[in-house]
N, C-alpha and C. Protein backbone atom coordinates (compact mmCIF):
# COMPACT_ATOMS: atom_id res chain seq x y z
N MET A 1 0.81 -1.20 0.00
CA MET A 1 0.00 0.00 0.00
C MET A 1 0.86 1.27 0.00
N ARG A 2 2.06 1.13 0.44
CA ARG A 2 2.91 2.32 0.55
C ARG A 2 3.19 2.96 -0.80
N ASP A 3 3.10 2.17 -1.88
CA ASP A 3 3.34 2.69 -3.22
C ASP A 3 2.05 3.14 -3.91
N THR A 4 0.92 2.96 -3.26
CA THR A 4 -0.37 3.34 -3.84
C THR A 4 -0.55 4.85 -3.74
N PRO A 5 -0.87 5.51 -4.85
CA PRO A 5 -1.06 6.96 -4.78
C PRO A 5 -2.29 7.33 -3.95
N ALA A 6 -2.22 8.46 -3.28
CA ALA A 6 -3.35 8.93 -2.47
C ALA A 6 -4.35 9.64 -3.37
N GLU A 7 -5.04 8.82 -4.18
CA GLU A 7 -6.05 9.31 -5.11
C GLU A 7 -7.31 8.47 -4.90
N VAL A 8 -8.46 9.05 -5.17
CA VAL A 8 -9.73 8.37 -4.91
C VAL A 8 -9.77 6.98 -5.55
N PRO A 9 -9.53 6.84 -6.86
CA PRO A 9 -9.63 5.48 -7.45
C PRO A 9 -8.65 4.49 -6.83
N ALA A 10 -7.41 4.91 -6.62
CA ALA A 10 -6.40 4.01 -6.06
C ALA A 10 -6.76 3.57 -4.65
N ILE A 11 -7.29 4.47 -3.86
CA ILE A 11 -7.66 4.13 -2.48
C ILE A 11 -8.81 3.13 -2.48
N PHE A 12 -9.84 3.37 -3.29
CA PHE A 12 -10.95 2.41 -3.34
C PHE A 12 -10.48 1.06 -3.85
N ARG A 13 -9.65 1.05 -4.89
CA ARG A 13 -9.20 -0.23 -5.45
C ARG A 13 -8.28 -0.99 -4.50
N SER A 14 -7.72 -0.30 -3.51
CA SER A 14 -6.86 -0.98 -2.53
C SER A 14 -7.66 -1.67 -1.43
N LEU A 15 -8.95 -1.42 -1.34
CA LEU A 15 -9.76 -1.96 -0.24
C LEU A 15 -9.72 -3.49 -0.14
N PRO A 16 -9.87 -4.26 -1.23
CA PRO A 16 -9.82 -5.72 -1.06
C PRO A 16 -8.54 -6.20 -0.39
N ALA A 17 -7.41 -5.57 -0.68
CA ALA A 17 -6.14 -5.98 -0.07
C ALA A 17 -6.04 -5.52 1.38
N ARG A 18 -6.85 -4.55 1.78
CA ARG A 18 -6.81 -4.02 3.15
C ARG A 18 -7.87 -4.64 4.06
N LEU A 19 -8.70 -5.52 3.51
CA LEU A 19 -9.78 -6.13 4.29
C LEU A 19 -9.22 -6.97 5.43
N ARG A 20 -9.79 -6.81 6.60
CA ARG A 20 -9.44 -7.62 7.77
C ARG A 20 -10.46 -8.75 7.83
N VAL A 21 -10.13 -9.83 7.16
CA VAL A 21 -11.06 -10.95 6.97
C VAL A 21 -11.62 -11.46 8.29
N ASP A 22 -10.79 -11.48 9.32
CA ASP A 22 -11.23 -11.99 10.62
C ASP A 22 -12.35 -11.14 11.23
N ARG A 23 -12.54 -9.92 10.77
CA ARG A 23 -13.56 -9.04 11.34
C ARG A 23 -14.88 -9.03 10.57
N VAL A 24 -14.93 -9.73 9.44
CA VAL A 24 -16.14 -9.66 8.62
C VAL A 24 -16.75 -11.03 8.31
N ALA A 25 -16.31 -12.06 8.99
CA ALA A 25 -16.88 -13.39 8.76
C ALA A 25 -18.38 -13.35 9.06
N GLY A 26 -19.19 -13.82 8.11
CA GLY A 26 -20.63 -13.86 8.29
C GLY A 26 -21.34 -12.53 8.09
N TYR A 27 -20.62 -11.50 7.72
CA TYR A 27 -21.20 -10.16 7.56
C TYR A 27 -21.37 -9.83 6.08
N ARG A 28 -22.44 -9.12 5.75
CA ARG A 28 -22.65 -8.60 4.40
C ARG A 28 -23.12 -7.15 4.50
N GLY A 29 -22.46 -6.29 3.75
CA GLY A 29 -22.85 -4.89 3.69
C GLY A 29 -22.55 -4.32 2.31
N VAL A 30 -23.43 -3.44 1.85
CA VAL A 30 -23.25 -2.77 0.56
C VAL A 30 -23.19 -1.27 0.84
N PHE A 31 -22.09 -0.66 0.44
CA PHE A 31 -21.84 0.75 0.75
C PHE A 31 -21.72 1.55 -0.54
N HIS A 32 -22.54 2.58 -0.64
CA HIS A 32 -22.44 3.51 -1.76
C HIS A 32 -21.68 4.75 -1.27
N PHE A 33 -20.71 5.17 -2.05
CA PHE A 33 -19.94 6.37 -1.73
C PHE A 33 -20.17 7.41 -2.81
N ASP A 34 -20.47 8.63 -2.38
CA ASP A 34 -20.60 9.78 -3.26
C ASP A 34 -19.49 10.74 -2.85
N ILE A 35 -18.42 10.76 -3.62
CA ILE A 35 -17.26 11.59 -3.31
C ILE A 35 -17.36 12.84 -4.18
N ARG A 36 -17.96 13.88 -3.62
CA ARG A 36 -18.20 15.12 -4.37
C ARG A 36 -16.88 15.77 -4.77
N GLU A 37 -16.91 16.43 -5.91
CA GLU A 37 -15.76 17.16 -6.46
C GLU A 37 -14.66 16.21 -6.98
N SER A 38 -14.95 14.93 -7.11
CA SER A 38 -13.99 13.97 -7.63
C SER A 38 -14.32 13.66 -9.09
N ALA A 39 -13.30 13.39 -9.88
CA ALA A 39 -13.52 12.98 -11.27
C ALA A 39 -14.21 11.62 -11.33
N THR A 40 -14.05 10.82 -10.28
CA THR A 40 -14.70 9.51 -10.17
C THR A 40 -15.48 9.48 -8.85
N PRO A 41 -16.69 10.06 -8.86
CA PRO A 41 -17.40 10.30 -7.59
C PRO A 41 -18.18 9.12 -7.02
N HIS A 42 -18.58 8.15 -7.83
CA HIS A 42 -19.49 7.11 -7.35
C HIS A 42 -18.79 5.75 -7.27
N TRP A 43 -18.89 5.15 -6.07
CA TRP A 43 -18.25 3.86 -5.82
C TRP A 43 -19.18 2.99 -4.99
N THR A 44 -19.13 1.69 -5.25
CA THR A 44 -19.84 0.71 -4.44
C THR A 44 -18.81 -0.25 -3.85
N VAL A 45 -18.89 -0.45 -2.55
CA VAL A 45 -18.03 -1.40 -1.86
C VAL A 45 -18.95 -2.46 -1.25
N VAL A 46 -18.71 -3.71 -1.59
CA VAL A 46 -19.49 -4.82 -1.05
C VAL A 46 -18.57 -5.68 -0.20
N ILE A 47 -18.97 -5.88 1.05
CA ILE A 47 -18.29 -6.81 1.95
C ILE A 47 -19.24 -7.99 2.11
N ASP A 48 -18.75 -9.18 1.78
CA ASP A 48 -19.63 -10.35 1.83
C ASP A 48 -18.86 -11.55 2.37
N ASP A 49 -19.06 -11.82 3.65
CA ASP A 49 -18.51 -13.00 4.32
C ASP A 49 -17.01 -13.22 4.04
N GLY A 50 -16.23 -12.21 4.34
CA GLY A 50 -14.78 -12.36 4.22
C GLY A 50 -14.21 -11.94 2.89
N ALA A 51 -15.01 -11.39 2.01
CA ALA A 51 -14.53 -10.93 0.70
C ALA A 51 -14.98 -9.49 0.48
N CYS A 52 -14.24 -8.77 -0.35
CA CYS A 52 -14.57 -7.38 -0.66
C CYS A 52 -14.46 -7.17 -2.16
N THR A 53 -15.49 -6.55 -2.73
CA THR A 53 -15.44 -6.14 -4.13
C THR A 53 -15.73 -4.65 -4.20
N VAL A 54 -15.15 -4.00 -5.21
CA VAL A 54 -15.28 -2.56 -5.38
C VAL A 54 -15.68 -2.28 -6.82
N GLY A 55 -16.66 -1.40 -7.01
CA GLY A 55 -17.08 -1.01 -8.34
C GLY A 55 -17.15 0.50 -8.48
N GLU A 56 -16.82 0.97 -9.68
CA GLU A 56 -16.80 2.41 -9.93
C GLU A 56 -18.16 2.87 -10.46
N SER A 57 -19.19 2.64 -9.65
CA SER A 57 -20.55 3.09 -9.92
C SER A 57 -21.38 2.74 -8.69
N LEU A 58 -22.62 3.15 -8.69
CA LEU A 58 -23.52 2.81 -7.59
C LEU A 58 -24.34 1.60 -8.02
N GLU A 59 -24.09 0.46 -7.36
CA GLU A 59 -24.72 -0.80 -7.75
C GLU A 59 -25.41 -1.43 -6.55
N GLY A 60 -26.59 -2.00 -6.78
CA GLY A 60 -27.30 -2.71 -5.73
C GLY A 60 -27.95 -1.79 -4.71
N GLU A 61 -28.62 -2.40 -3.77
CA GLU A 61 -29.31 -1.68 -2.69
C GLU A 61 -28.34 -1.47 -1.54
N PRO A 62 -28.01 -0.22 -1.19
CA PRO A 62 -27.02 0.01 -0.14
C PRO A 62 -27.56 -0.22 1.26
N THR A 63 -26.71 -0.75 2.13
CA THR A 63 -27.03 -0.78 3.55
C THR A 63 -26.62 0.53 4.20
N CYS A 64 -25.74 1.30 3.49
CA CYS A 64 -25.29 2.60 3.97
C CYS A 64 -24.80 3.42 2.79
N THR A 65 -25.15 4.69 2.77
CA THR A 65 -24.65 5.63 1.76
C THR A 65 -23.80 6.66 2.47
N VAL A 66 -22.62 6.94 1.90
CA VAL A 66 -21.64 7.84 2.51
C VAL A 66 -21.36 8.97 1.52
N THR A 67 -21.45 10.21 2.01
CA THR A 67 -21.23 11.38 1.16
C THR A 67 -20.20 12.29 1.82
N MET A 68 -19.21 12.72 1.03
CA MET A 68 -18.21 13.69 1.49
C MET A 68 -17.51 14.27 0.28
N THR A 69 -16.72 15.31 0.48
CA THR A 69 -15.93 15.86 -0.60
C THR A 69 -14.67 15.02 -0.81
N GLU A 70 -14.06 15.19 -1.97
CA GLU A 70 -12.81 14.51 -2.26
C GLU A 70 -11.74 14.92 -1.24
N GLU A 71 -11.69 16.18 -0.90
CA GLU A 71 -10.70 16.67 0.06
C GLU A 71 -10.85 15.97 1.41
N THR A 72 -12.08 15.84 1.89
CA THR A 72 -12.31 15.15 3.17
C THR A 72 -11.94 13.67 3.06
N PHE A 73 -12.36 13.02 1.98
CA PHE A 73 -12.05 11.60 1.79
C PHE A 73 -10.54 11.36 1.83
N LEU A 74 -9.80 12.15 1.07
CA LEU A 74 -8.35 11.96 1.02
C LEU A 74 -7.68 12.27 2.35
N SER A 75 -8.15 13.30 3.04
CA SER A 75 -7.52 13.63 4.33
C SER A 75 -7.81 12.59 5.39
N VAL A 76 -9.00 11.98 5.37
CA VAL A 76 -9.32 10.91 6.31
C VAL A 76 -8.50 9.66 5.97
N GLU A 77 -8.49 9.28 4.70
CA GLU A 77 -7.79 8.06 4.30
C GLU A 77 -6.28 8.15 4.51
N THR A 78 -5.70 9.33 4.40
CA THR A 78 -4.25 9.46 4.57
C THR A 78 -3.87 9.80 6.01
N GLY A 79 -4.85 9.83 6.90
CA GLY A 79 -4.56 10.04 8.32
C GLY A 79 -4.36 11.49 8.73
N GLN A 80 -4.69 12.42 7.86
CA GLN A 80 -4.54 13.83 8.18
C GLN A 80 -5.74 14.38 8.93
N GLN A 81 -6.87 13.65 8.87
CA GLN A 81 -8.09 14.08 9.56
C GLN A 81 -8.75 12.87 10.20
N ASN A 82 -9.28 13.05 11.38
CA ASN A 82 -9.98 12.00 12.11
C ASN A 82 -11.39 11.86 11.54
N ALA A 83 -11.77 10.63 11.16
CA ALA A 83 -13.08 10.38 10.56
C ALA A 83 -14.23 10.73 11.49
N THR A 84 -14.10 10.41 12.76
CA THR A 84 -15.18 10.70 13.72
C THR A 84 -15.38 12.20 13.85
N LEU A 85 -14.29 12.93 13.94
CA LEU A 85 -14.38 14.40 14.05
C LEU A 85 -14.98 14.99 12.78
N ALA A 86 -14.60 14.47 11.62
CA ALA A 86 -15.16 14.95 10.35
C ALA A 86 -16.66 14.68 10.30
N PHE A 87 -17.09 13.52 10.80
CA PHE A 87 -18.51 13.19 10.86
C PHE A 87 -19.26 14.15 11.78
N VAL A 88 -18.71 14.38 12.97
CA VAL A 88 -19.35 15.27 13.95
C VAL A 88 -19.48 16.69 13.39
N LYS A 89 -18.48 17.11 12.62
CA LYS A 89 -18.50 18.46 12.03
C LYS A 89 -19.36 18.54 10.77
N GLY A 90 -19.96 17.42 10.36
CA GLY A 90 -20.83 17.42 9.20
C GLY A 90 -20.10 17.30 7.87
N ARG A 91 -18.84 16.98 7.89
CA ARG A 91 -18.07 16.84 6.65
C ARG A 91 -18.28 15.48 6.00
N ILE A 92 -18.74 14.52 6.80
CA ILE A 92 -19.09 13.19 6.29
C ILE A 92 -20.54 12.93 6.68
N ARG A 93 -21.35 12.53 5.70
CA ARG A 93 -22.74 12.17 5.98
C ARG A 93 -22.93 10.69 5.70
N VAL A 94 -23.58 9.99 6.61
CA VAL A 94 -23.86 8.57 6.42
C VAL A 94 -25.33 8.31 6.72
N THR A 95 -25.91 7.33 6.04
CA THR A 95 -27.32 7.02 6.26
C THR A 95 -27.54 5.97 7.33
N ASN A 96 -26.47 5.24 7.72
CA ASN A 96 -26.62 4.19 8.72
C ASN A 96 -25.31 4.13 9.52
N VAL A 97 -25.31 4.76 10.68
CA VAL A 97 -24.09 4.86 11.49
C VAL A 97 -23.59 3.48 11.93
N GLY A 98 -24.48 2.59 12.31
CA GLY A 98 -24.08 1.25 12.74
C GLY A 98 -23.34 0.50 11.64
N GLN A 99 -23.87 0.57 10.42
CA GLN A 99 -23.20 -0.10 9.29
C GLN A 99 -21.86 0.56 8.98
N MET A 100 -21.79 1.88 9.11
CA MET A 100 -20.53 2.57 8.83
C MET A 100 -19.46 2.20 9.85
N ARG A 101 -19.87 1.97 11.08
CA ARG A 101 -18.90 1.54 12.10
C ARG A 101 -18.35 0.16 11.76
N LYS A 102 -19.21 -0.74 11.26
CA LYS A 102 -18.74 -2.07 10.84
C LYS A 102 -17.76 -1.93 9.68
N TYR A 103 -18.08 -1.06 8.73
CA TYR A 103 -17.19 -0.82 7.60
C TYR A 103 -15.84 -0.30 8.09
N ASP A 104 -15.87 0.65 8.98
CA ASP A 104 -14.65 1.26 9.50
C ASP A 104 -13.73 0.23 10.15
N ARG A 105 -14.31 -0.71 10.87
CA ARG A 105 -13.51 -1.74 11.54
C ARG A 105 -13.06 -2.85 10.59
N ALA A 106 -13.64 -2.90 9.40
CA ALA A 106 -13.37 -4.00 8.47
C ALA A 106 -12.05 -3.86 7.71
N PHE A 107 -11.47 -2.66 7.71
CA PHE A 107 -10.29 -2.43 6.87
C PHE A 107 -9.13 -1.86 7.66
N TYR A 108 -7.92 -2.24 7.23
CA TYR A 108 -6.74 -1.53 7.70
C TYR A 108 -6.79 -0.14 7.09
N ARG A 109 -6.28 0.84 7.80
CA ARG A 109 -6.20 2.20 7.27
C ARG A 109 -5.25 2.22 6.09
N PHE A 110 -5.54 3.06 5.12
CA PHE A 110 -4.71 3.21 3.94
C PHE A 110 -3.27 3.53 4.32
N HIS A 111 -3.12 4.37 5.33
CA HIS A 111 -1.79 4.81 5.75
C HIS A 111 -1.18 3.92 6.82
N ASP A 112 -1.86 2.82 7.18
CA ASP A 112 -1.43 2.03 8.33
C ASP A 112 -1.48 0.53 8.08
N VAL A 113 -1.29 0.11 6.84
CA VAL A 113 -1.32 -1.31 6.52
C VAL A 113 -0.02 -1.94 7.00
N PRO A 114 -0.11 -3.05 7.74
CA PRO A 114 1.13 -3.68 8.22
C PRO A 114 1.95 -4.27 7.08
N ASP A 115 3.26 -4.26 7.25
CA ASP A 115 4.14 -4.86 6.26
C ASP A 115 3.96 -6.37 6.28
N ASP A 116 4.13 -7.00 5.14
CA ASP A 116 3.97 -8.46 5.04
C ASP A 116 5.10 -9.23 5.67
N GLY A 117 6.26 -8.65 5.81
CA GLY A 117 7.36 -9.43 6.32
C GLY A 117 7.96 -8.76 7.48
């Protein structure tokens, strides 16, 4: 992950490799992301019993929809901004807080993926 550029598409496409399989066994969630001001604003992330797929569009019925600007997304993903604080300040909007908390725990942070060796 250290060589992955801090760009919206690259960050979303890195999610399957960052999935913490032990935390999502038996869980299914569909997340729609609307990243405003991004050249690629719409993403669907599906977590399904230990697997993660990512699509560059809004697909299926979401269990949670997440909306934020590209600037907020990148600053949260790169560790420059705390996601909870951004949510409290209204910079991140979610339709289902419980599902978003499960999503948050399901992945290693983009900036904090452990080395393989």
